[in-house]
């Protein structure tokens, strides 16, 4: 199963990609899964409260159309300009699916070291955890905690932006 920290990945793409490029999420998922059995892919993000304009809604819809399951929390902290609850929601899903025996390998797409305890719990349940991130956006502790690390810049994942306004 794939577990994607959307804002972490988008922030990383902006730091490594030239203007006019975006990440092909479907290609990323297929590259990371390879010839293994695909169970599901979850994308975690925040959303604006109902009735407010949400700049990420089109990207969420596009990802849903591609088969990703979107878990979007109404928990953006305007004062601090940061997400709340998203990392915890991702960690809970990854651990819950591990204990339900829904997968053998979790692939976490994020460079956020806050996931190290969740990775350790998943591994303690007998599962493997792979981490995928851009090399400049991941800490040493997160890399070391993974059973395998995927450097996303080594995959052909960037494409010209479409008119969908992904960012």
Protein backbone atom coordinates (compact mmCIF):
# COMPACT_ATOMS: atom_id res chain seq x y z
CA UNK A 1 0.00 0.00 0.00
CA UNK A 2 1.06 3.55 -0.70
CA UNK A 3 0.70 6.33 1.88
CA UNK A 4 1.38 9.79 0.42
CA UNK A 5 1.91 12.98 2.42
CA UNK A 6 0.72 15.30 -0.36
CA UNK A 7 1.97 18.68 0.85
CA UNK A 8 5.36 17.25 1.80
CA UNK A 9 5.76 15.79 -1.69
CA UNK A 10 4.54 18.94 -3.47
CA UNK A 11 6.92 21.09 -1.43
CA UNK A 12 9.79 18.77 -2.38
CA UNK A 13 8.84 18.87 -6.06
CA UNK A 14 8.88 22.66 -6.02
CA UNK A 15 12.41 22.60 -4.61
CA UNK A 16 13.85 20.20 -7.22
CA UNK A 17 11.78 20.85 -10.35
CA UNK A 18 12.17 23.63 -12.84
CA UNK A 19 9.26 25.98 -13.35
CA UNK A 20 6.59 24.39 -15.51
CA UNK A 21 7.00 20.83 -14.23
CA UNK A 22 4.77 18.79 -11.97
CA UNK A 23 4.82 15.32 -10.47
CA UNK A 24 3.05 12.50 -12.29
CA UNK A 25 1.46 10.77 -9.28
CA UNK A 26 0.22 7.80 -11.27
CA UNK A 27 3.68 7.14 -12.74
CA UNK A 28 5.18 7.50 -9.27
CA UNK A 29 2.78 4.91 -7.84
CA UNK A 30 3.44 2.46 -10.68
CA UNK A 31 7.23 2.89 -10.41
CA UNK A 32 7.22 2.34 -6.64
CA UNK A 33 4.89 -0.67 -6.78
CA UNK A 34 6.71 -2.31 -9.68
CA UNK A 35 5.56 -5.88 -10.29
CA UNK A 36 4.18 -6.34 -6.77
CA UNK A 37 0.50 -6.76 -6.00
CA UNK A 38 -1.14 -3.35 -5.60
CA UNK A 39 -3.56 -3.04 -2.68
CA UNK A 40 -4.33 0.68 -2.55
CA UNK A 41 -2.96 4.20 -2.44
CA UNK A 42 -3.93 6.84 0.10
CA UNK A 43 -3.20 10.55 -0.25
CA UNK A 44 -3.33 12.72 2.88
CA UNK A 45 -3.92 16.48 2.82
CA UNK A 46 -6.03 19.27 4.28
CA UNK A 47 -9.08 20.85 2.73
CA UNK A 48 -10.93 24.08 3.24
CA UNK A 49 -14.23 24.03 5.15
CA UNK A 50 -17.34 23.50 3.06
CA UNK A 51 -18.28 26.66 1.19
CA UNK A 52 -14.76 28.11 1.04
CA UNK A 53 -12.65 28.08 -2.11
CA UNK A 54 -10.21 25.19 -1.98
CA UNK A 55 -7.21 25.51 -4.26
CA UNK A 56 -6.40 21.80 -3.89
CA UNK A 57 -9.87 20.49 -4.81
CA UNK A 58 -9.02 20.01 -8.49
CA UNK A 59 -5.87 18.05 -7.70
CA UNK A 60 -7.78 15.94 -5.15
CA UNK A 61 -10.44 15.23 -7.81
CA UNK A 62 -7.79 14.31 -10.39
CA UNK A 63 -6.11 11.93 -7.93
CA UNK A 64 -9.48 10.34 -7.07
CA UNK A 65 -10.11 9.82 -10.79
CA UNK A 66 -6.72 8.06 -11.04
CA UNK A 67 -7.74 5.68 -8.22
CA UNK A 68 -6.12 7.28 -5.19
CA UNK A 69 -8.10 7.44 -1.95
CA UNK A 70 -8.06 11.01 -0.62
CA UNK A 71 -8.06 11.59 3.13
CA UNK A 72 -8.44 15.36 3.50
CA UNK A 73 -8.82 16.92 6.94
CA UNK A 74 -10.46 20.29 7.61
CA UNK A 75 -7.59 21.26 9.84
CA UNK A 76 -5.44 23.97 8.27
CA UNK A 77 -4.09 26.46 10.82
CA UNK A 78 -4.35 29.87 9.11
CA UNK A 79 -2.28 31.66 11.78
CA UNK A 80 0.68 29.32 11.53
CA UNK A 81 0.16 28.55 7.83
CA UNK A 82 0.47 24.82 8.47
CA UNK A 83 -1.50 21.59 8.34
CA UNK A 84 -2.77 19.95 11.48
CA UNK A 85 -3.79 16.28 11.98
CA UNK A 86 -2.58 15.15 8.55
CA UNK A 87 0.59 13.33 9.69
CA UNK A 88 -1.31 11.68 12.55
CA UNK A 89 -4.08 10.55 10.17
CA UNK A 90 -1.49 9.03 7.82
CA UNK A 91 0.36 7.30 10.65
CA UNK A 92 -2.90 5.89 12.07
CA UNK A 93 -3.99 4.51 8.68
CA UNK A 94 -0.58 2.96 8.02
CA UNK A 95 -0.55 1.27 11.45
CA UNK A 96 -4.21 0.21 11.33
CA UNK A 97 -3.82 -1.41 7.90
CA UNK A 98 -0.68 -3.20 9.11
CA UNK A 99 -2.46 -4.67 12.13
CA UNK A 100 -5.44 -5.68 9.95
CA UNK A 101 -2.93 -7.52 7.73
CA UNK A 102 -4.06 -5.56 4.65
CA UNK A 103 -0.55 -5.36 3.21
CA UNK A 104 2.95 -6.81 3.46
CA UNK A 105 4.82 -3.65 2.46
CA UNK A 106 3.91 -0.03 3.17
CA UNK A 107 5.44 2.60 0.92
CA UNK A 108 5.52 5.98 2.65
CA UNK A 109 5.97 8.89 0.27
CA UNK A 110 7.25 11.67 2.50
CA UNK A 111 10.47 13.08 3.83
CA UNK A 112 8.98 13.96 7.22
CA UNK A 113 10.90 12.37 10.09
CA UNK A 114 7.77 12.55 12.30
CA UNK A 115 6.80 9.21 10.73
CA UNK A 116 9.71 7.28 12.30
CA UNK A 117 7.63 6.02 15.29
CA UNK A 118 4.82 4.88 12.97
CA UNK A 119 7.35 3.06 10.78
CA UNK A 120 8.75 1.30 13.84
CA UNK A 121 5.26 0.16 14.92
CA UNK A 122 4.50 -1.16 11.43
CA UNK A 123 7.82 -3.01 11.35
CA UNK A 124 7.14 -4.44 14.82
CA UNK A 125 3.94 -5.95 13.41
CA UNK A 126 6.06 -7.91 10.93
CA UNK A 127 5.60 -5.64 7.92
CA UNK A 128 8.20 -3.91 5.78
CA UNK A 129 8.24 -0.15 5.22
CA UNK A 130 9.79 1.56 2.25
CA UNK A 131 10.23 5.33 2.14
CA UNK A 132 10.18 7.34 -1.08
CA UNK A 133 11.30 10.97 -1.12
CA UNK A 134 13.53 13.42 -2.87
CA UNK A 135 17.02 13.09 -1.41
CA UNK A 136 17.27 16.75 -0.41
CA UNK A 137 13.94 16.57 1.45
CA UNK A 138 14.47 13.60 3.75
CA UNK A 139 16.31 13.27 7.02
CA UNK A 140 18.87 10.63 7.86
CA UNK A 141 16.70 9.12 10.63
CA UNK A 142 13.79 8.54 8.27
CA UNK A 143 16.08 6.93 5.69
CA UNK A 144 17.64 4.68 8.32
CA UNK A 145 14.27 3.56 9.69
CA UNK A 146 13.10 2.34 6.28
CA UNK A 147 13.66 -1.19 5.02
CA UNK A 148 14.30 0.37 1.61
CA UNK A 149 14.67 3.95 0.41
CA UNK A 150 13.59 5.20 -3.03
CA UNK A 151 15.17 8.44 -4.30
CA UNK A 152 12.34 9.93 -6.31
CA UNK A 153 14.63 12.05 -8.47
CA UNK A 154 15.98 8.83 -10.02
CA UNK A 155 12.54 7.99 -11.47
CA UNK A 156 11.04 9.64 -14.58
CA UNK A 157 8.19 11.32 -12.68
CA UNK A 158 8.20 14.98 -13.67
CA UNK A 159 6.05 16.20 -16.54
CA UNK A 160 4.95 19.49 -18.04
CA UNK A 161 2.11 21.01 -16.01
CA UNK A 162 -1.33 20.54 -17.44
CA UNK A 163 -4.03 23.20 -17.45
CA UNK A 164 -5.61 21.58 -14.38
CA UNK A 165 -3.72 23.88 -12.05
CA UNK A 166 -2.19 21.20 -9.83
CA UNK A 167 -0.33 23.69 -7.68
